[in-house]
Amino acid sequence: MAYFITEDCIGCTLCARSCPVEAIAGKLKERHVINPKRCVECGVCGNVCNNAAILNSKGEKAVKIPKAEWKKPIVDKELCSACAICVHACGKDCLSISLPQFRGDIKVFAYLANEKQCVSCGLCASYCPLHAITMKGGEQK
């Protein structure tokens, strides 16, 4: 079951702008709607909603998480094959593939190139075929 936006939505558009798969639509100052066929249940919409207007897939109100507590993708450079599946999975263009560091360097890997754009959706980690990406950091104190 996809996430759902309740009547508490004030139409601020923050959820729609944050959704990594563009599953949320709506006009400014009007209640937004989540397309259940596009929703990947990453929880980003609930993480950013100031009005607690998002119900998660269990029907529970999603709780806003401060950005400082969001998890970020950490790439295990030894496991990463630089296949770029994670780069293409990221709807926010946060990841990139490293360049060789010196002549003859063949070890390249994915890395978080644009941390500010990352919405902590975890799509990169879920798509990684080698399980080289884990979501870490931002633990609550």
N, C-alpha and C. Protein backbone atom coordinates (compact mmCIF):
# COMPACT_ATOMS: atom_id res chain seq x y z
N MET A 1 0.83 -1.18 0.00
CA MET A 1 0.00 0.00 0.00
C MET A 1 0.88 1.25 0.00
N ALA A 2 0.58 2.19 -0.84
CA ALA A 2 1.37 3.42 -0.95
C ALA A 2 1.07 4.36 0.21
N TYR A 3 1.92 5.35 0.36
CA TYR A 3 1.67 6.41 1.33
C TYR A 3 0.46 7.21 0.87
N PHE A 4 -0.14 7.97 1.81
CA PHE A 4 -1.37 8.70 1.51
C PHE A 4 -1.31 10.08 2.16
N ILE A 5 -1.81 11.08 1.46
CA ILE A 5 -1.83 12.44 2.00
C ILE A 5 -3.24 12.74 2.51
N THR A 6 -3.33 13.15 3.77
CA THR A 6 -4.63 13.41 4.40
C THR A 6 -5.12 14.83 4.13
N GLU A 7 -6.31 15.10 4.64
CA GLU A 7 -6.90 16.43 4.50
C GLU A 7 -6.14 17.50 5.29
N ASP A 8 -5.18 17.10 6.10
CA ASP A 8 -4.36 18.07 6.84
C ASP A 8 -3.34 18.76 5.93
N CYS A 9 -3.21 18.29 4.71
CA CYS A 9 -2.27 18.88 3.75
C CYS A 9 -2.67 20.33 3.45
N ILE A 10 -1.69 21.23 3.51
CA ILE A 10 -1.94 22.64 3.22
C ILE A 10 -1.43 23.04 1.83
N GLY A 11 -0.89 22.08 1.10
CA GLY A 11 -0.43 22.36 -0.26
C GLY A 11 0.86 23.16 -0.34
N CYS A 12 1.77 22.90 0.58
CA CYS A 12 3.04 23.65 0.59
C CYS A 12 3.99 23.20 -0.52
N THR A 13 3.77 22.04 -1.10
CA THR A 13 4.53 21.42 -2.19
C THR A 13 5.86 20.80 -1.76
N LEU A 14 6.20 20.85 -0.48
CA LEU A 14 7.48 20.31 -0.03
C LEU A 14 7.59 18.82 -0.31
N CYS A 15 6.52 18.08 -0.08
CA CYS A 15 6.55 16.64 -0.33
C CYS A 15 6.76 16.34 -1.82
N ALA A 16 6.06 17.08 -2.66
CA ALA A 16 6.17 16.87 -4.11
C ALA A 16 7.57 17.19 -4.61
N ARG A 17 8.16 18.26 -4.09
CA ARG A 17 9.51 18.64 -4.52
C ARG A 17 10.56 17.67 -3.99
N SER A 18 10.27 16.99 -2.89
CA SER A 18 11.23 16.08 -2.28
C SER A 18 11.14 14.65 -2.80
N CYS A 19 10.00 14.26 -3.34
CA CYS A 19 9.79 12.88 -3.78
C CYS A 19 10.78 12.51 -4.89
N PRO A 20 11.58 11.45 -4.67
CA PRO A 20 12.60 11.08 -5.66
C PRO A 20 12.05 10.43 -6.92
N VAL A 21 10.78 10.02 -6.89
CA VAL A 21 10.20 9.35 -8.06
C VAL A 21 9.02 10.14 -8.65
N GLU A 22 8.86 11.36 -8.21
CA GLU A 22 7.80 12.25 -8.71
C GLU A 22 6.42 11.59 -8.64
N ALA A 23 6.14 10.96 -7.49
CA ALA A 23 4.85 10.29 -7.29
C ALA A 23 3.79 11.22 -6.71
N ILE A 24 4.17 12.44 -6.36
CA ILE A 24 3.24 13.36 -5.70
C ILE A 24 2.93 14.54 -6.61
N ALA A 25 1.65 14.85 -6.71
CA ALA A 25 1.22 15.97 -7.54
C ALA A 25 0.21 16.83 -6.78
N GLY A 26 0.16 18.08 -7.16
CA GLY A 26 -0.81 18.98 -6.55
C GLY A 26 -0.41 20.42 -6.78
N LYS A 27 -1.38 21.29 -6.63
CA LYS A 27 -1.14 22.72 -6.80
C LYS A 27 -0.84 23.37 -5.46
N LEU A 28 -0.15 24.48 -5.51
CA LEU A 28 0.17 25.25 -4.33
C LEU A 28 -1.12 25.60 -3.58
N LYS A 29 -1.10 25.38 -2.28
CA LYS A 29 -2.22 25.67 -1.37
C LYS A 29 -3.43 24.77 -1.59
N GLU A 30 -3.22 23.64 -2.27
CA GLU A 30 -4.27 22.64 -2.43
C GLU A 30 -3.72 21.29 -1.98
N ARG A 31 -4.62 20.43 -1.52
CA ARG A 31 -4.22 19.10 -1.06
C ARG A 31 -3.54 18.33 -2.19
N HIS A 32 -2.43 17.72 -1.87
CA HIS A 32 -1.67 16.94 -2.85
C HIS A 32 -2.13 15.48 -2.84
N VAL A 33 -1.74 14.75 -3.87
CA VAL A 33 -2.13 13.35 -4.03
C VAL A 33 -0.90 12.54 -4.39
N ILE A 34 -0.81 11.34 -3.82
CA ILE A 34 0.28 10.42 -4.14
C ILE A 34 -0.24 9.38 -5.13
N ASN A 35 0.47 9.20 -6.23
CA ASN A 35 0.13 8.18 -7.21
C ASN A 35 0.64 6.84 -6.67
N PRO A 36 -0.26 5.93 -6.29
CA PRO A 36 0.16 4.67 -5.68
C PRO A 36 0.98 3.78 -6.62
N LYS A 37 0.83 3.97 -7.92
CA LYS A 37 1.60 3.17 -8.87
C LYS A 37 3.05 3.64 -8.96
N ARG A 38 3.31 4.89 -8.59
CA ARG A 38 4.67 5.43 -8.65
C ARG A 38 5.36 5.40 -7.29
N CYS A 39 4.58 5.42 -6.20
CA CYS A 39 5.14 5.50 -4.85
C CYS A 39 5.99 4.26 -4.54
N VAL A 40 7.22 4.51 -4.07
CA VAL A 40 8.12 3.41 -3.71
C VAL A 40 8.23 3.25 -2.20
N GLU A 41 7.38 3.96 -1.46
CA GLU A 41 7.30 3.86 0.00
C GLU A 41 8.63 4.14 0.69
N CYS A 42 9.35 5.14 0.19
CA CYS A 42 10.64 5.48 0.79
C CYS A 42 10.48 6.33 2.05
N GLY A 43 9.34 6.99 2.21
CA GLY A 43 9.07 7.78 3.40
C GLY A 43 9.55 9.21 3.38
N VAL A 44 10.12 9.64 2.28
CA VAL A 44 10.65 11.01 2.19
C VAL A 44 9.54 12.03 2.41
N CYS A 45 8.37 11.79 1.85
CA CYS A 45 7.27 12.75 2.00
C CYS A 45 6.93 12.96 3.47
N GLY A 46 6.89 11.89 4.23
CA GLY A 46 6.62 12.00 5.66
C GLY A 46 7.74 12.66 6.42
N ASN A 47 8.97 12.44 5.96
CA ASN A 47 10.13 13.05 6.62
C ASN A 47 10.11 14.57 6.53
N VAL A 48 9.52 15.11 5.46
CA VAL A 48 9.56 16.56 5.25
C VAL A 48 8.26 17.28 5.59
N CYS A 49 7.18 16.56 5.82
CA CYS A 49 5.88 17.20 6.03
C CYS A 49 5.79 17.87 7.41
N ASN A 50 5.58 19.17 7.39
CA ASN A 50 5.45 19.94 8.64
C ASN A 50 4.09 19.80 9.29
N ASN A 51 3.10 19.31 8.56
CA ASN A 51 1.73 19.22 9.08
C ASN A 51 1.30 17.82 9.47
N ALA A 52 2.19 16.87 9.43
CA ALA A 52 1.86 15.47 9.72
C ALA A 52 0.65 15.02 8.89
N ALA A 53 0.68 15.37 7.61
CA ALA A 53 -0.43 15.06 6.71
C ALA A 53 -0.19 13.81 5.88
N ILE A 54 0.81 13.02 6.24
CA ILE A 54 1.15 11.83 5.47
C ILE A 54 0.89 10.58 6.31
N LEU A 55 0.20 9.62 5.72
CA LEU A 55 0.03 8.32 6.35
C LEU A 55 0.98 7.35 5.66
N ASN A 56 1.69 6.54 6.44
CA ASN A 56 2.61 5.57 5.84
C ASN A 56 1.83 4.36 5.33
N SER A 57 2.53 3.38 4.84
CA SER A 57 1.88 2.21 4.22
C SER A 57 1.09 1.37 5.22
N LYS A 58 1.29 1.60 6.52
CA LYS A 58 0.53 0.90 7.56
C LYS A 58 -0.67 1.72 8.02
N GLY A 59 -0.84 2.91 7.43
CA GLY A 59 -1.94 3.78 7.81
C GLY A 59 -1.64 4.64 9.02
N GLU A 60 -0.38 4.67 9.44
CA GLU A 60 0.03 5.47 10.60
C GLU A 60 0.56 6.82 10.13
N LYS A 61 0.36 7.85 10.96
CA LYS A 61 0.90 9.17 10.61
C LYS A 61 2.41 9.11 10.57
N ALA A 62 2.96 9.58 9.48
CA ALA A 62 4.42 9.65 9.35
C ALA A 62 4.91 10.84 10.17
N VAL A 63 6.05 10.67 10.80
CA VAL A 63 6.61 11.71 11.66
C VAL A 63 7.74 12.42 10.94
N LYS A 64 7.69 13.74 10.96
CA LYS A 64 8.75 14.54 10.34
C LYS A 64 10.08 14.25 11.04
N ILE A 65 11.11 14.08 10.24
CA ILE A 65 12.46 13.85 10.77
C ILE A 65 13.32 15.04 10.37
N PRO A 66 13.98 15.67 11.35
CA PRO A 66 14.85 16.80 11.01
C PRO A 66 15.94 16.37 10.02
N LYS A 67 16.25 17.24 9.08
CA LYS A 67 17.21 16.91 8.03
C LYS A 67 18.55 16.46 8.59
N ALA A 68 18.97 17.00 9.71
CA ALA A 68 20.24 16.62 10.32
C ALA A 68 20.25 15.15 10.74
N GLU A 69 19.08 14.55 10.88
CA GLU A 69 18.98 13.15 11.30
C GLU A 69 18.75 12.18 10.14
N TRP A 70 18.68 12.70 8.92
CA TRP A 70 18.49 11.82 7.77
C TRP A 70 19.74 10.98 7.53
N LYS A 71 19.52 9.74 7.15
CA LYS A 71 20.64 8.86 6.81
C LYS A 71 21.13 9.17 5.40
N LYS A 72 22.40 8.93 5.17
CA LYS A 72 23.02 9.18 3.87
C LYS A 72 23.65 7.89 3.36
N PRO A 73 23.75 7.74 2.04
CA PRO A 73 24.37 6.53 1.50
C PRO A 73 25.88 6.52 1.73
N ILE A 74 26.35 5.40 2.25
CA ILE A 74 27.78 5.17 2.43
C ILE A 74 28.15 4.01 1.52
N VAL A 75 29.13 4.24 0.66
CA VAL A 75 29.53 3.23 -0.33
C VAL A 75 30.77 2.50 0.15
N ASP A 76 30.70 1.18 0.16
CA ASP A 76 31.87 0.35 0.45
C ASP A 76 32.69 0.28 -0.84
N LYS A 77 33.79 0.99 -0.87
CA LYS A 77 34.60 1.10 -2.09
C LYS A 77 35.17 -0.24 -2.54
N GLU A 78 35.34 -1.15 -1.60
CA GLU A 78 35.88 -2.47 -1.96
C GLU A 78 34.83 -3.34 -2.64
N LEU A 79 33.57 -3.15 -2.29
CA LEU A 79 32.50 -3.94 -2.90
C LEU A 79 31.97 -3.32 -4.19
N CYS A 80 32.02 -2.01 -4.29
CA CYS A 80 31.43 -1.29 -5.43
C CYS A 80 32.16 -1.63 -6.73
N SER A 81 31.37 -1.94 -7.76
CA SER A 81 31.94 -2.25 -9.08
C SER A 81 31.82 -1.08 -10.05
N ALA A 82 31.28 0.04 -9.58
CA ALA A 82 31.08 1.24 -10.41
C ALA A 82 30.14 0.96 -11.58
N CYS A 83 29.15 0.12 -11.35
CA CYS A 83 28.19 -0.21 -12.42
C CYS A 83 27.25 0.95 -12.72
N ALA A 84 27.13 1.88 -11.80
CA ALA A 84 26.32 3.09 -11.94
C ALA A 84 24.81 2.86 -11.84
N ILE A 85 24.39 1.68 -11.42
CA ILE A 85 22.96 1.44 -11.23
C ILE A 85 22.41 2.40 -10.17
N CYS A 86 23.16 2.61 -9.12
CA CYS A 86 22.72 3.52 -8.06
C CYS A 86 22.63 4.96 -8.56
N VAL A 87 23.54 5.34 -9.41
CA VAL A 87 23.55 6.70 -9.97
C VAL A 87 22.26 6.93 -10.76
N HIS A 88 21.86 5.94 -11.54
CA HIS A 88 20.65 6.06 -12.35
C HIS A 88 19.38 5.91 -11.52
N ALA A 89 19.46 5.17 -10.40
CA ALA A 89 18.29 4.99 -9.53
C ALA A 89 17.96 6.25 -8.75
N CYS A 90 18.96 7.06 -8.49
CA CYS A 90 18.77 8.27 -7.68
C CYS A 90 18.00 9.32 -8.47
N GLY A 91 16.84 9.67 -7.96
CA GLY A 91 16.01 10.67 -8.62
C GLY A 91 16.43 12.10 -8.34
N LYS A 92 17.44 12.27 -7.52
CA LYS A 92 17.89 13.61 -7.15
C LYS A 92 19.31 13.92 -7.63
N ASP A 93 19.88 13.06 -8.44
CA ASP A 93 21.24 13.25 -8.99
C ASP A 93 22.28 13.50 -7.90
N CYS A 94 22.24 12.69 -6.87
CA CYS A 94 23.17 12.86 -5.74
C CYS A 94 24.46 12.08 -5.89
N LEU A 95 24.39 10.98 -6.62
CA LEU A 95 25.54 10.09 -6.71
C LEU A 95 26.29 10.27 -8.02
N SER A 96 27.56 9.93 -7.98
CA SER A 96 28.39 9.99 -9.17
C SER A 96 29.41 8.87 -9.08
N ILE A 97 30.13 8.66 -10.16
CA ILE A 97 31.21 7.66 -10.18
C ILE A 97 32.53 8.41 -10.14
N SER A 98 33.42 7.94 -9.29
CA SER A 98 34.72 8.61 -9.13
C SER A 98 35.56 8.49 -10.39
N LEU A 99 36.51 9.37 -10.49
CA LEU A 99 37.49 9.32 -11.58
C LEU A 99 38.75 8.65 -11.06
N PRO A 100 39.55 8.06 -11.93
CA PRO A 100 40.82 7.49 -11.47
C PRO A 100 41.65 8.56 -10.76
N GLN A 101 42.30 8.18 -9.68
CA GLN A 101 43.06 9.13 -8.87
C GLN A 101 44.50 9.33 -9.37
N PHE A 102 44.99 8.37 -10.12
CA PHE A 102 46.36 8.47 -10.64
C PHE A 102 46.46 7.61 -11.89
N ARG A 103 47.51 7.82 -12.65
CA ARG A 103 47.71 7.06 -13.89
C ARG A 103 47.75 5.56 -13.58
N GLY A 104 46.94 4.80 -14.28
CA GLY A 104 46.88 3.36 -14.07
C GLY A 104 45.88 2.93 -13.01
N ASP A 105 45.25 3.88 -12.33
CA ASP A 105 44.26 3.57 -11.30
C ASP A 105 43.02 2.98 -11.97
N ILE A 106 42.65 1.78 -11.57
CA ILE A 106 41.47 1.15 -12.15
C ILE A 106 40.32 1.05 -11.14
N LYS A 107 40.55 1.45 -9.91
CA LYS A 107 39.51 1.34 -8.89
C LYS A 107 38.67 2.62 -8.86
N VAL A 108 37.51 2.54 -9.46
CA VAL A 108 36.55 3.64 -9.40
C VAL A 108 35.32 3.13 -8.65
N PHE A 109 34.53 4.02 -8.13
CA PHE A 109 33.41 3.64 -7.28
C PHE A 109 32.37 4.76 -7.25
N ALA A 110 31.18 4.42 -6.81
CA ALA A 110 30.13 5.42 -6.63
C ALA A 110 30.41 6.18 -5.34
N TYR A 111 29.96 7.43 -5.32
CA TYR A 111 30.09 8.23 -4.09
C TYR A 111 29.00 9.30 -4.05
N LEU A 112 28.72 9.81 -2.87
CA LEU A 112 27.72 10.85 -2.68
C LEU A 112 28.33 12.18 -3.09
N ALA A 113 28.01 12.62 -4.29
CA ALA A 113 28.60 13.83 -4.86
C ALA A 113 27.86 15.09 -4.46
N ASN A 114 26.57 14.96 -4.17
CA ASN A 114 25.76 16.14 -3.85
C ASN A 114 24.93 15.86 -2.61
N GLU A 115 25.56 15.96 -1.46
CA GLU A 115 24.91 15.61 -0.19
C GLU A 115 23.68 16.46 0.10
N LYS A 116 23.71 17.72 -0.28
CA LYS A 116 22.58 18.60 0.00
C LYS A 116 21.31 18.20 -0.74
N GLN A 117 21.46 17.56 -1.89
CA GLN A 117 20.30 17.13 -2.68
C GLN A 117 19.72 15.81 -2.18
N CYS A 118 20.50 15.05 -1.41
CA CYS A 118 20.06 13.73 -0.96
C CYS A 118 18.87 13.86 -0.01
N VAL A 119 17.80 13.10 -0.30
CA VAL A 119 16.60 13.12 0.52
C VAL A 119 16.46 11.87 1.39
N SER A 120 17.50 11.06 1.44
CA SER A 120 17.54 9.88 2.31
C SER A 120 16.47 8.84 1.96
N CYS A 121 16.19 8.69 0.68
CA CYS A 121 15.16 7.74 0.26
C CYS A 121 15.64 6.29 0.27
N GLY A 122 16.94 6.09 0.10
CA GLY A 122 17.49 4.74 0.12
C GLY A 122 17.36 3.97 -1.19
N LEU A 123 16.90 4.62 -2.25
CA LEU A 123 16.77 3.91 -3.53
C LEU A 123 18.11 3.41 -4.03
N CYS A 124 19.15 4.20 -3.84
CA CYS A 124 20.48 3.78 -4.28
C CYS A 124 20.89 2.47 -3.61
N ALA A 125 20.66 2.38 -2.31
CA ALA A 125 21.02 1.17 -1.56
C ALA A 125 20.17 -0.02 -1.99
N SER A 126 18.89 0.22 -2.20
CA SER A 126 18.01 -0.90 -2.57
C SER A 126 18.28 -1.42 -3.98
N TYR A 127 18.76 -0.57 -4.86
CA TYR A 127 19.05 -0.98 -6.24
C TYR A 127 20.45 -1.58 -6.41
N CYS A 128 21.35 -1.35 -5.48
CA CYS A 128 22.73 -1.83 -5.62
C CYS A 128 22.77 -3.36 -5.64
N PRO A 129 23.20 -3.96 -6.76
CA PRO A 129 23.20 -5.42 -6.85
C PRO A 129 24.26 -6.09 -5.98
N LEU A 130 25.25 -5.33 -5.56
CA LEU A 130 26.33 -5.89 -4.74
C LEU A 130 26.19 -5.55 -3.26
N HIS A 131 25.12 -4.87 -2.90
CA HIS A 131 24.89 -4.44 -1.51
C HIS A 131 26.07 -3.64 -0.97
N ALA A 132 26.63 -2.81 -1.84
CA ALA A 132 27.79 -1.99 -1.46
C ALA A 132 27.39 -0.67 -0.82
N ILE A 133 26.10 -0.37 -0.79
CA ILE A 133 25.64 0.90 -0.22
C ILE A 133 24.76 0.63 0.99
N THR A 134 25.08 1.29 2.08
CA THR A 134 24.25 1.25 3.28
C THR A 134 23.88 2.68 3.65
N MET A 135 22.72 2.83 4.25
CA MET A 135 22.27 4.14 4.69
C MET A 135 22.67 4.29 6.16
N LYS A 136 23.51 5.28 6.42
CA LYS A 136 24.02 5.48 7.79
C LYS A 136 24.05 6.95 8.16
N GLY A 137 24.26 7.16 9.44
CA GLY A 137 24.39 8.52 9.96
C GLY A 137 23.06 9.07 10.37
N GLY A 138 23.09 10.26 10.91
CA GLY A 138 21.88 10.94 11.30
C GLY A 138 21.12 10.27 12.42
N GLU A 139 21.79 9.42 13.20
CA GLU A 139 21.09 8.74 14.29
C GLU A 139 20.59 9.76 15.29
N GLN A 140 19.40 9.49 15.82
CA GLN A 140 18.84 10.37 16.83
C GLN A 140 19.67 10.27 18.10
N LYS A 141 19.77 11.39 18.77
CA LYS A 141 20.58 11.42 19.98
C LYS A 141 19.73 11.19 21.20
